[in-house]
Amino acid sequence: MNKHIKTGTIMAKHNKKRNVGLIHEQLVRFASEKIVEKKNDKAVVAISILDKHFNEGSELYREFRLFNALVHTKVNDRGVAKRIIQESKAACKNYDANKLRSEKSLLIKVINYDLDDKNFFNKKLPEYKVFATVQALLNEWRGADKLAPNEIIKYETVLEEWLVRSGVDNNKLQKNNVADPLALKIMIEKFNLKYSSKLNSNQSKLLEYKLMNDNENALKQVAKIKRQANVMLCDFYKICDNKVLNEKKILIENKINALEPNIDDETIAKALMLAKLIETIGE
């Protein structure tokens, strides 16, 4: 029996384990949580799953791109919203439904086996009802034939209203958009290999912000690391009597001051190394 999930006027009937948006969001949050908990091996596994299964050549990635656009797009005109819905319908007809179904089944199997988290699919998300409604429509537009005509109209009306919503919800959702999973995977693996230890708190926070695409806090974290490095360096040279190290003081200071807060991969990598230097000097 189909179940209706209601929130105001939003209703959706679907299997949440096959909801591409929910799965993607849960993987992002899982990786972020594990970084905060300093369980970087678990974070790498989740990021690897994102990287492998949401690759550009997959039907899964194609559906996620469309799903993501419908969830995050905001327009000011209902006519534009209607056109977006019509274009999305047309796009769904070009999918290989069998391949998509197979890719989702494999993804679910990998998540269950590799992450070994019984609560993975049961964690609550604030955007759950929106995600559910969008997935139900994508399924129907591909020919699932599980909704009555009046239900399809109701769902599409709800989606239209979502597309012309206020900007507050839009910003909230955009903040959780995933960063480049491959770049993050490489960053974590490099640091674990180089230092043979878990990331420190400064590194964990920076990677978490980068993973969640929280640019504002990522910039603040880079600036914080830079300030801490300058303070630590100043304190270190007050008691340093090593001639060789003293000769390199200006060079080190210049390198630290040259680090401008940014969110590109190169700056993040430099900030991560600087955070390790702070930890090493402070030991």
C-alpha atoms as a PDB file:
ATOM      1  CA  MET A   1       0.000   0.000   0.000  1.00  0.00           C
ATOM      2  CA  ASN A   2       1.314   3.453  -0.900  1.00  0.00           C
ATOM      3  CA  LYS A   3       1.823   5.843   1.971  1.00  0.00           C
ATOM      4  CA  HIS A   4       1.386   9.597   1.840  1.00  0.00           C
ATOM      5  CA  ILE A   5       3.835  11.826   3.651  1.00  0.00           C
ATOM      6  CA  LYS A   6       2.404  15.244   4.412  1.00  0.00           C
ATOM      7  CA  THR A   7       3.869  18.576   5.404  1.00  0.00           C
ATOM      8  CA  GLY A   8       1.526  21.442   4.702  1.00  0.00           C
ATOM      9  CA  THR A   9       0.623  20.709   1.084  1.00  0.00           C
ATOM     10  CA  ILE A  10       3.730  18.635   0.337  1.00  0.00           C
ATOM     11  CA  MET A  11       3.001  14.937  -0.094  1.00  0.00           C
ATOM     12  CA  ALA A  12       5.157  12.211  -1.528  1.00  0.00           C
ATOM     13  CA  LYS A  13       5.070   8.429  -1.827  1.00  0.00           C
ATOM     14  CA  HIS A  14       8.428   6.827  -2.418  1.00  0.00           C
ATOM     15  CA  ASN A  15      11.153   4.495  -1.203  1.00  0.00           C
ATOM     16  CA  LYS A  16      13.648   6.712   0.630  1.00  0.00           C
ATOM     17  CA  LYS A  17      16.461   4.213   0.030  1.00  0.00           C
ATOM     18  CA  ARG A  18      16.105   4.944  -3.679  1.00  0.00           C
ATOM     19  CA  ASN A  19      15.855   8.713  -3.295  1.00  0.00           C
ATOM     20  CA  VAL A  20      18.972  10.010  -5.043  1.00  0.00           C
ATOM     21  CA  GLY A  21      18.932  13.344  -3.198  1.00  0.00           C
ATOM     22  CA  LEU A  22      18.538  11.795   0.245  1.00  0.00           C
ATOM     23  CA  ILE A  23      21.290   9.240  -0.372  1.00  0.00           C
ATOM     24  CA  HIS A  24      23.698  11.904  -1.600  1.00  0.00           C
ATOM     25  CA  GLU A  25      22.923  14.196   1.334  1.00  0.00           C
ATOM     26  CA  GLN A  26      23.293  11.367   3.849  1.00  0.00           C
ATOM     27  CA  LEU A  27      26.686  10.418   2.403  1.00  0.00           C
ATOM     28  CA  VAL A  28      27.872  14.023   2.665  1.00  0.00           C
ATOM     29  CA  ARG A  29      26.675  14.342   6.248  1.00  0.00           C
ATOM     30  CA  PHE A  30      28.132  10.960   7.191  1.00  0.00           C
ATOM     31  CA  ALA A  31      31.562  11.967   5.876  1.00  0.00           C
ATOM     32  CA  SER A  32      31.356  15.320   7.646  1.00  0.00           C
ATOM     33  CA  GLU A  33      30.389  13.717  10.964  1.00  0.00           C
ATOM     34  CA  LYS A  34      33.250  11.226  10.744  1.00  0.00           C
ATOM     35  CA  ILE A  35      35.767  14.003  10.077  1.00  0.00           C
ATOM     36  CA  VAL A  36      34.536  15.846  13.167  1.00  0.00           C
ATOM     37  CA  GLU A  37      34.806  12.605  15.158  1.00  0.00           C
ATOM     38  CA  LYS A  38      38.350  12.156  13.739  1.00  0.00           C
ATOM     39  CA  LYS A  39      37.343   8.871  12.135  1.00  0.00           C
ATOM     40  CA  ASN A  40      38.956   9.822   8.861  1.00  0.00           C
ATOM     41  CA  ASP A  41      39.059   6.277   7.486  1.00  0.00           C
ATOM     42  CA  LYS A  42      35.245   6.196   7.599  1.00  0.00           C
ATOM     43  CA  ALA A  43      35.036   9.636   5.976  1.00  0.00           C
ATOM     44  CA  VAL A  44      37.265   8.487   3.127  1.00  0.00           C
ATOM     45  CA  VAL A  45      35.017   5.470   2.507  1.00  0.00           C
ATOM     46  CA  ALA A  46      31.916   7.696   2.212  1.00  0.00           C
ATOM     47  CA  ILE A  47      33.698  10.174  -0.060  1.00  0.00           C
ATOM     48  CA  SER A  48      34.975   7.296  -2.202  1.00  0.00           C
ATOM     49  CA  ILE A  49      31.389   6.063  -2.625  1.00  0.00           C
ATOM     50  CA  LEU A  50      30.316   9.547  -3.736  1.00  0.00           C
ATOM     51  CA  ASP A  51      33.213   9.765  -6.149  1.00  0.00           C
ATOM     52  CA  LYS A  52      32.678   6.307  -7.673  1.00  0.00           C
ATOM     53  CA  HIS A  53      28.899   6.129  -7.929  1.00  0.00           C
ATOM     54  CA  PHE A  54      28.102   9.752  -8.774  1.00  0.00           C
ATOM     55  CA  ASN A  55      30.584   9.933 -11.648  1.00  0.00           C
ATOM     56  CA  GLU A  56      29.653  11.941 -14.730  1.00  0.00           C
ATOM     57  CA  GLY A  57      29.103   8.905 -16.909  1.00  0.00           C
ATOM     58  CA  SER A  58      26.424   7.346 -14.706  1.00  0.00           C
ATOM     59  CA  GLU A  59      22.646   7.586 -14.892  1.00  0.00           C
ATOM     60  CA  LEU A  60      22.745   8.137 -11.144  1.00  0.00           C
ATOM     61  CA  TYR A  61      24.742  11.337 -11.620  1.00  0.00           C
ATOM     62  CA  ARG A  62      22.382  12.515 -14.359  1.00  0.00           C
ATOM     63  CA  GLU A  63      19.384  12.052 -12.101  1.00  0.00           C
ATOM     64  CA  PHE A  64      21.158  13.724  -9.186  1.00  0.00           C
ATOM     65  CA  ARG A  65      21.978  16.786 -11.309  1.00  0.00           C
ATOM     66  CA  LEU A  66      18.326  17.172 -12.254  1.00  0.00           C
ATOM     67  CA  PHE A  67      17.189  16.470  -8.686  1.00  0.00           C
ATOM     68  CA  ASN A  68      19.670  18.983  -7.310  1.00  0.00           C
ATOM     69  CA  ALA A  69      18.566  21.653  -9.773  1.00  0.00           C
ATOM     70  CA  LEU A  70      14.912  21.271  -8.807  1.00  0.00           C
ATOM     71  CA  VAL A  71      15.687  21.395  -5.083  1.00  0.00           C
ATOM     72  CA  HIS A  72      18.066  24.362  -5.191  1.00  0.00           C
ATOM     73  CA  THR A  73      16.726  26.498  -8.015  1.00  0.00           C
ATOM     74  CA  LYS A  74      14.743  29.591  -7.059  1.00  0.00           C
ATOM     75  CA  VAL A  75      12.916  31.848  -9.504  1.00  0.00           C
ATOM     76  CA  ASN A  76      10.683  34.879  -9.136  1.00  0.00           C
ATOM     77  CA  ASP A  77       8.185  34.089 -11.865  1.00  0.00           C
ATOM     78  CA  ARG A  78       5.634  31.250 -11.918  1.00  0.00           C
ATOM     79  CA  GLY A  79       5.832  31.102 -15.689  1.00  0.00           C
ATOM     80  CA  VAL A  80       9.540  30.310 -15.456  1.00  0.00           C
ATOM     81  CA  ALA A  81       8.811  27.712 -12.755  1.00  0.00           C
ATOM     82  CA  LYS A  82       6.300  25.996 -15.058  1.00  0.00           C
ATOM     83  CA  ARG A  83       8.849  25.923 -17.881  1.00  0.00           C
ATOM     84  CA  ILE A  84      11.473  24.408 -15.575  1.00  0.00           C
ATOM     85  CA  ILE A  85       9.022  21.642 -14.673  1.00  0.00           C
ATOM     86  CA  GLN A  86       8.214  20.978 -18.339  1.00  0.00           C
ATOM     87  CA  GLU A  87      11.922  20.830 -19.254  1.00  0.00           C
ATOM     88  CA  SER A  88      12.544  18.464 -16.347  1.00  0.00           C
ATOM     89  CA  LYS A  89       9.777  16.174 -17.578  1.00  0.00           C
ATOM     90  CA  ALA A  90      11.372  16.064 -21.018  1.00  0.00           C
ATOM     91  CA  ALA A  91      14.811  15.356 -19.554  1.00  0.00           C
ATOM     92  CA  CYS A  92      13.486  12.369 -17.599  1.00  0.00           C
ATOM     93  CA  LYS A  93      12.377  10.681 -20.814  1.00  0.00           C
ATOM     94  CA  ASN A  94      16.004  10.458 -21.973  1.00  0.00           C
ATOM     95  CA  TYR A  95      17.110   8.339 -19.000  1.00  0.00           C
ATOM     96  CA  ASP A  96      17.973   4.661 -19.181  1.00  0.00           C
ATOM     97  CA  ALA A  97      15.549   3.561 -16.463  1.00  0.00           C
ATOM     98  CA  ASN A  98      16.915   0.029 -16.193  1.00  0.00           C
ATOM     99  CA  LYS A  99      20.503   1.209 -15.851  1.00  0.00           C
ATOM    100  CA  LEU A 100      19.466   3.798 -13.251  1.00  0.00           C
ATOM    101  CA  ARG A 101      17.583   1.156 -11.271  1.00  0.00           C
ATOM    102  CA  SER A 102      20.617  -1.138 -11.362  1.00  0.00           C
ATOM    103  CA  GLU A 103      23.004   1.652 -10.297  1.00  0.00           C
ATOM    104  CA  LYS A 104      20.785   2.556  -7.344  1.00  0.00           C
ATOM    105  CA  SER A 105      20.595  -1.063  -6.221  1.00  0.00           C
ATOM    106  CA  LEU A 106      24.370  -1.370  -6.344  1.00  0.00           C
ATOM    107  CA  LEU A 107      24.804   1.907  -4.442  1.00  0.00           C
ATOM    108  CA  ILE A 108      22.453   0.755  -1.674  1.00  0.00           C
ATOM    109  CA  LYS A 109      24.336  -2.550  -1.427  1.00  0.00           C
ATOM    110  CA  VAL A 110      27.718  -0.770  -1.195  1.00  0.00           C
ATOM    111  CA  ILE A 111      26.463   1.643   1.468  1.00  0.00           C
ATOM    112  CA  ASN A 112      25.065  -1.198   3.569  1.00  0.00           C
ATOM    113  CA  TYR A 113      28.267  -3.237   3.278  1.00  0.00           C
ATOM    114  CA  ASP A 114      31.032  -0.599   3.318  1.00  0.00           C
ATOM    115  CA  LEU A 115      29.605   1.876   5.842  1.00  0.00           C
ATOM    116  CA  ASP A 116      27.982  -0.744   8.074  1.00  0.00           C
ATOM    117  CA  ASP A 117      25.668   1.856   9.632  1.00  0.00           C
ATOM    118  CA  LYS A 118      22.203   0.464  10.426  1.00  0.00           C
ATOM    119  CA  ASN A 119      20.777   3.966  10.901  1.00  0.00           C
ATOM    120  CA  PHE A 120      22.195   5.440   7.679  1.00  0.00           C
ATOM    121  CA  PHE A 121      18.871   5.578   5.829  1.00  0.00           C
ATOM    122  CA  ASN A 122      16.836   6.520   8.915  1.00  0.00           C
ATOM    123  CA  LYS A 123      18.503   9.790   9.875  1.00  0.00           C
ATOM    124  CA  LYS A 124      16.168  12.767   9.725  1.00  0.00           C
ATOM    125  CA  LEU A 125      16.849  15.691   7.423  1.00  0.00           C
ATOM    126  CA  PRO A 126      15.103  19.101   7.557  1.00  0.00           C
ATOM    127  CA  GLU A 127      14.549  18.985   3.767  1.00  0.00           C
ATOM    128  CA  TYR A 128      13.123  15.433   3.805  1.00  0.00           C
ATOM    129  CA  LYS A 129       9.620  16.252   2.517  1.00  0.00           C
ATOM    130  CA  VAL A 130      10.933  18.409  -0.330  1.00  0.00           C
ATOM    131  CA  PHE A 131      13.375  15.704  -1.359  1.00  0.00           C
ATOM    132  CA  ALA A 132      10.620  13.092  -1.217  1.00  0.00           C
ATOM    133  CA  THR A 133       8.272  15.119  -3.406  1.00  0.00           C
ATOM    134  CA  VAL A 134      10.923  15.809  -6.048  1.00  0.00           C
ATOM    135  CA  GLN A 135      11.943  12.135  -6.246  1.00  0.00           C
ATOM    136  CA  ALA A 136       8.309  11.035  -6.547  1.00  0.00           C
ATOM    137  CA  LEU A 137       7.880  13.360  -9.524  1.00  0.00           C
ATOM    138  CA  LEU A 138      11.096  12.224 -11.198  1.00  0.00           C
ATOM    139  CA  ASN A 139       9.939   8.628 -10.873  1.00  0.00           C
ATOM    140  CA  GLU A 140       6.546   9.460 -12.334  1.00  0.00           C
ATOM    141  CA  TRP A 141       7.954  11.492 -15.217  1.00  0.00           C
ATOM    142  CA  ARG A 142      10.050   8.458 -16.137  1.00  0.00           C
ATOM    143  CA  GLY A 143       6.895   6.357 -16.319  1.00  0.00           C
ATOM    144  CA  ALA A 144       6.555   4.765 -12.863  1.00  0.00           C
ATOM    145  CA  ASP A 145       2.766   5.179 -13.125  1.00  0.00           C
ATOM    146  CA  LYS A 146       2.220   5.078  -9.348  1.00  0.00           C
ATOM    147  CA  LEU A 147       0.411   8.413  -9.011  1.00  0.00           C
ATOM    148  CA  ALA A 148      -3.086   9.260 -10.115  1.00  0.00           C
ATOM    149  CA  PRO A 149      -3.437  12.201 -12.549  1.00  0.00           C
ATOM    150  CA  ASN A 150      -4.821  14.488  -9.820  1.00  0.00           C
ATOM    151  CA  GLU A 151      -1.893  13.551  -7.563  1.00  0.00           C
ATOM    152  CA  ILE A 152       0.630  14.414 -10.270  1.00  0.00           C
ATOM    153  CA  ILE A 153      -0.989  17.824 -10.678  1.00  0.00           C
ATOM    154  CA  LYS A 154      -0.894  18.352  -6.915  1.00  0.00           C
ATOM    155  CA  TYR A 155       2.782  17.388  -6.692  1.00  0.00           C
ATOM    156  CA  GLU A 156       3.729  19.600  -9.623  1.00  0.00           C
ATOM    157  CA  THR A 157       1.855  22.498  -8.034  1.00  0.00           C
ATOM    158  CA  VAL A 158       3.797  21.945  -4.830  1.00  0.00           C
ATOM    159  CA  LEU A 159       7.071  21.914  -6.796  1.00  0.00           C
ATOM    160  CA  GLU A 160       6.071  25.094  -8.605  1.00  0.00           C
ATOM    161  CA  GLU A 161       5.437  26.784  -5.255  1.00  0.00           C
ATOM    162  CA  TRP A 162       8.812  25.538  -4.015  1.00  0.00           C
ATOM    163  CA  LEU A 163      10.608  27.009  -7.034  1.00  0.00           C
ATOM    164  CA  VAL A 164       9.173  30.467  -6.254  1.00  0.00           C
ATOM    165  CA  ARG A 165       9.774  30.194  -2.501  1.00  0.00           C
ATOM    166  CA  SER A 166      11.510  32.825  -0.381  1.00  0.00           C
ATOM    167  CA  GLY A 167      15.310  33.004  -0.460  1.00  0.00           C
ATOM    168  CA  VAL A 168      15.849  31.823   3.147  1.00  0.00           C
ATOM    169  CA  ASP A 169      15.214  28.145   2.451  1.00  0.00           C
ATOM    170  CA  ASN A 170      17.290  28.331  -0.711  1.00  0.00           C
ATOM    171  CA  ASN A 171      20.364  29.558   1.134  1.00  0.00           C
ATOM    172  CA  LYS A 172      19.890  26.922   3.818  1.00  0.00           C
ATOM    173  CA  LEU A 173      19.895  24.140   1.268  1.00  0.00           C
ATOM    174  CA  GLN A 174      22.780  25.523  -0.754  1.00  0.00           C
ATOM    175  CA  LYS A 175      25.002  25.514   2.317  1.00  0.00           C
ATOM    176  CA  ASN A 176      24.836  21.721   2.425  1.00  0.00           C
ATOM    177  CA  ASN A 177      25.844  21.227  -1.194  1.00  0.00           C
ATOM    178  CA  VAL A 178      28.820  18.886  -1.395  1.00  0.00           C
ATOM    179  CA  ALA A 179      32.289  20.030  -2.366  1.00  0.00           C
ATOM    180  CA  ASP A 180      34.474  18.067  -4.788  1.00  0.00           C
ATOM    181  CA  PRO A 181      34.572  14.601  -3.150  1.00  0.00           C
ATOM    182  CA  LEU A 182      37.665  13.451  -5.038  1.00  0.00           C
ATOM    183  CA  ALA A 183      39.696  16.484  -3.941  1.00  0.00           C
ATOM    184  CA  LEU A 184      38.654  15.959  -0.330  1.00  0.00           C
ATOM    185  CA  LYS A 185      39.441  12.258  -0.506  1.00  0.00           C
ATOM    186  CA  ILE A 186      42.941  13.029  -1.788  1.00  0.00           C
ATOM    187  CA  MET A 187      43.493  15.673   0.904  1.00  0.00           C
ATOM    188  CA  ILE A 188      42.550  13.313   3.729  1.00  0.00           C
ATOM    189  CA  GLU A 189      44.571  10.406   2.335  1.00  0.00           C
ATOM    190  CA  LYS A 190      47.659  12.592   1.837  1.00  0.00           C
ATOM    191  CA  PHE A 191      47.612  13.829   5.399  1.00  0.00           C
ATOM    192  CA  ASN A 192      47.012  10.397   6.872  1.00  0.00           C
ATOM    193  CA  LEU A 193      49.881   9.013   4.771  1.00  0.00           C
ATOM    194  CA  LYS A 194      52.296  11.860   5.506  1.00  0.00           C
ATOM    195  CA  TYR A 195      51.715  12.216   9.217  1.00  0.00           C
ATOM    196  CA  SER A 196      50.498   8.690  10.090  1.00  0.00           C
ATOM    197  CA  SER A 197      48.012  10.199  12.518  1.00  0.00           C
ATOM    198  CA  LYS A 198      44.506  11.553  12.748  1.00  0.00           C
ATOM    199  CA  LEU A 199      43.746  15.121  11.741  1.00  0.00           C
ATOM    200  CA  ASN A 200      43.871  17.660  14.563  1.00  0.00           C
ATOM    201  CA  SER A 201      40.869  19.798  15.489  1.00  0.00           C
ATOM    202  CA  ASN A 202      41.826  22.716  13.217  1.00  0.00           C
ATOM    203  CA  GLN A 203      42.263  20.388  10.245  1.00  0.00           C
ATOM    204  CA  SER A 204      39.029  18.507  10.985  1.00  0.00           C
ATOM    205  CA  LYS A 205      36.993  21.697  11.155  1.00  0.00           C
ATOM    206  CA  LEU A 206      38.484  23.057   7.948  1.00  0.00           C
ATOM    207  CA  LEU A 207      37.800  19.840   6.046  1.00  0.00           C
ATOM    208  CA  GLU A 208      34.284  19.691   7.449  1.00  0.00           C
ATOM    209  CA  TYR A 209      33.519  23.217   6.204  1.00  0.00           C
ATOM    210  CA  LYS A 210      35.066  22.416   2.838  1.00  0.00           C
ATOM    211  CA  LEU A 211      33.097  19.187   2.557  1.00  0.00           C
ATOM    212  CA  MET A 212      29.815  20.946   3.352  1.00  0.00           C
ATOM    213  CA  ASN A 213      30.648  23.834   1.009  1.00  0.00           C
ATOM    214  CA  ASP A 214      30.313  26.208   3.968  1.00  0.00           C
ATOM    215  CA  ASN A 215      32.536  28.865   2.404  1.00  0.00           C
ATOM    216  CA  GLU A 216      31.986  31.493   5.076  1.00  0.00           C
ATOM    217  CA  ASN A 217      33.205  29.291   7.928  1.00  0.00           C
ATOM    218  CA  ALA A 218      35.965  27.795   5.770  1.00  0.00           C
ATOM    219  CA  LEU A 219      37.371  31.285   5.209  1.00  0.00           C
ATOM    220  CA  LYS A 220      37.118  32.041   8.926  1.00  0.00           C
ATOM    221  CA  GLN A 221      38.917  28.795   9.749  1.00  0.00           C
ATOM    222  CA  VAL A 222      41.775  29.573   7.337  1.00  0.00           C
ATOM    223  CA  ALA A 223      42.097  33.047   8.885  1.00  0.00           C
ATOM    224  CA  LYS A 224      42.050  31.526  12.379  1.00  0.00           C
ATOM    225  CA  ILE A 225      44.822  29.067  11.504  1.00  0.00           C
ATOM    226  CA  LYS A 226      46.888  31.924  10.067  1.00  0.00           C
ATOM    227  CA  ARG A 227      46.470  33.997  13.260  1.00  0.00           C
ATOM    228  CA  GLN A 228      47.358  31.047  15.472  1.00  0.00           C
ATOM    229  CA  ALA A 229      50.449  30.345  13.374  1.00  0.00           C
ATOM    230  CA  ASN A 230      51.700  33.914  13.751  1.00  0.00           C
ATOM    231  CA  VAL A 231      51.158  33.849  17.514  1.00  0.00           C
ATOM    232  CA  MET A 232      52.792  30.441  17.859  1.00  0.00           C
ATOM    233  CA  LEU A 233      55.763  31.542  15.739  1.00  0.00           C
ATOM    234  CA  CYS A 234      56.244  34.685  17.817  1.00  0.00           C
ATOM    235  CA  ASP A 235      56.220  32.692  21.061  1.00  0.00           C
ATOM    236  CA  PHE A 236      58.556  30.074  19.592  1.00  0.00           C
ATOM    237  CA  TYR A 237      61.236  32.595  18.580  1.00  0.00           C
ATOM    238  CA  LYS A 238      61.204  34.268  21.988  1.00  0.00           C
ATOM    239  CA  ILE A 239      62.907  31.183  23.386  1.00  0.00           C
ATOM    240  CA  CYS A 240      64.636  29.807  20.298  1.00  0.00           C
ATOM    241  CA  ASP A 241      68.459  29.903  20.435  1.00  0.00           C
ATOM    242  CA  ASN A 242      69.068  27.859  17.299  1.00  0.00           C
ATOM    243  CA  LYS A 243      71.064  29.964  14.836  1.00  0.00           C
ATOM    244  CA  VAL A 244      69.823  28.124  11.748  1.00  0.00           C
ATOM    245  CA  LEU A 245      66.160  28.452  12.762  1.00  0.00           C
ATOM    246  CA  ASN A 246      66.605  32.113  13.678  1.00  0.00           C
ATOM    247  CA  GLU A 247      67.979  32.816  10.219  1.00  0.00           C
ATOM    248  CA  LYS A 248      64.790  31.375   8.712  1.00  0.00           C
ATOM    249  CA  LYS A 249      62.411  33.418  10.864  1.00  0.00           C
ATOM    250  CA  ILE A 250      61.669  36.103   8.272  1.00  0.00           C
ATOM    251  CA  LEU A 251      61.202  33.518   5.529  1.00  0.00           C
ATOM    252  CA  ILE A 252      58.676  31.577   7.623  1.00  0.00           C
ATOM    253  CA  GLU A 253      56.837  34.743   8.627  1.00  0.00           C
ATOM    254  CA  ASN A 254      56.558  35.802   4.994  1.00  0.00           C
ATOM    255  CA  LYS A 255      55.159  32.421   3.979  1.00  0.00           C
ATOM    256  CA  ILE A 256      52.533  32.537   6.718  1.00  0.00           C
ATOM    257  CA  ASN A 257      51.533  36.121   5.892  1.00  0.00           C
ATOM    258  CA  ALA A 258      51.325  35.242   2.193  1.00  0.00           C
ATOM    259  CA  LEU A 259      48.466  32.843   2.953  1.00  0.00           C
ATOM    260  CA  GLU A 260      45.338  34.740   1.952  1.00  0.00           C
ATOM    261  CA  PRO A 261      42.003  33.285   3.127  1.00  0.00           C
ATOM    262  CA  ASN A 262      40.508  31.452   0.160  1.00  0.00           C
ATOM    263  CA  ILE A 263      38.521  28.288  -0.502  1.00  0.00           C
ATOM    264  CA  ASP A 264      40.481  26.869  -3.446  1.00  0.00           C
ATOM    265  CA  ASP A 265      42.143  23.480  -2.969  1.00  0.00           C
ATOM    266  CA  GLU A 266      45.677  24.905  -2.919  1.00  0.00           C
ATOM    267  CA  THR A 267      44.885  27.330  -0.085  1.00  0.00           C
ATOM    268  CA  ILE A 268      43.048  24.668   1.893  1.00  0.00           C
ATOM    269  CA  ALA A 269      46.018  22.304   1.525  1.00  0.00           C
ATOM    270  CA  LYS A 270      48.432  25.005   2.731  1.00  0.00           C
ATOM    271  CA  ALA A 271      46.183  25.814   5.690  1.00  0.00           C
ATOM    272  CA  LEU A 272      46.044  22.124   6.612  1.00  0.00           C
ATOM    273  CA  MET A 273      49.850  21.938   6.629  1.00  0.00           C
ATOM    274  CA  LEU A 274      50.036  25.144   8.665  1.00  0.00           C
ATOM    275  CA  ALA A 275      47.602  23.669  11.193  1.00  0.00           C
ATOM    276  CA  LYS A 276      49.927  20.666  11.501  1.00  0.00           C
ATOM    277  CA  LEU A 277      52.891  23.007  12.043  1.00  0.00           C
ATOM    278  CA  ILE A 278      51.009  24.732  14.874  1.00  0.00           C
ATOM    279  CA  GLU A 279      50.347  21.372  16.506  1.00  0.00           C
ATOM    280  CA  THR A 280      53.981  20.278  16.108  1.00  0.00           C
ATOM    281  CA  ILE A 281      55.467  23.470  17.545  1.00  0.00           C
ATOM    282  CA  GLY A 282      53.007  23.397  20.408  1.00  0.00           C
ATOM    283  CA  GLU A 283      53.973  19.866  21.459  1.00  0.00           C
END
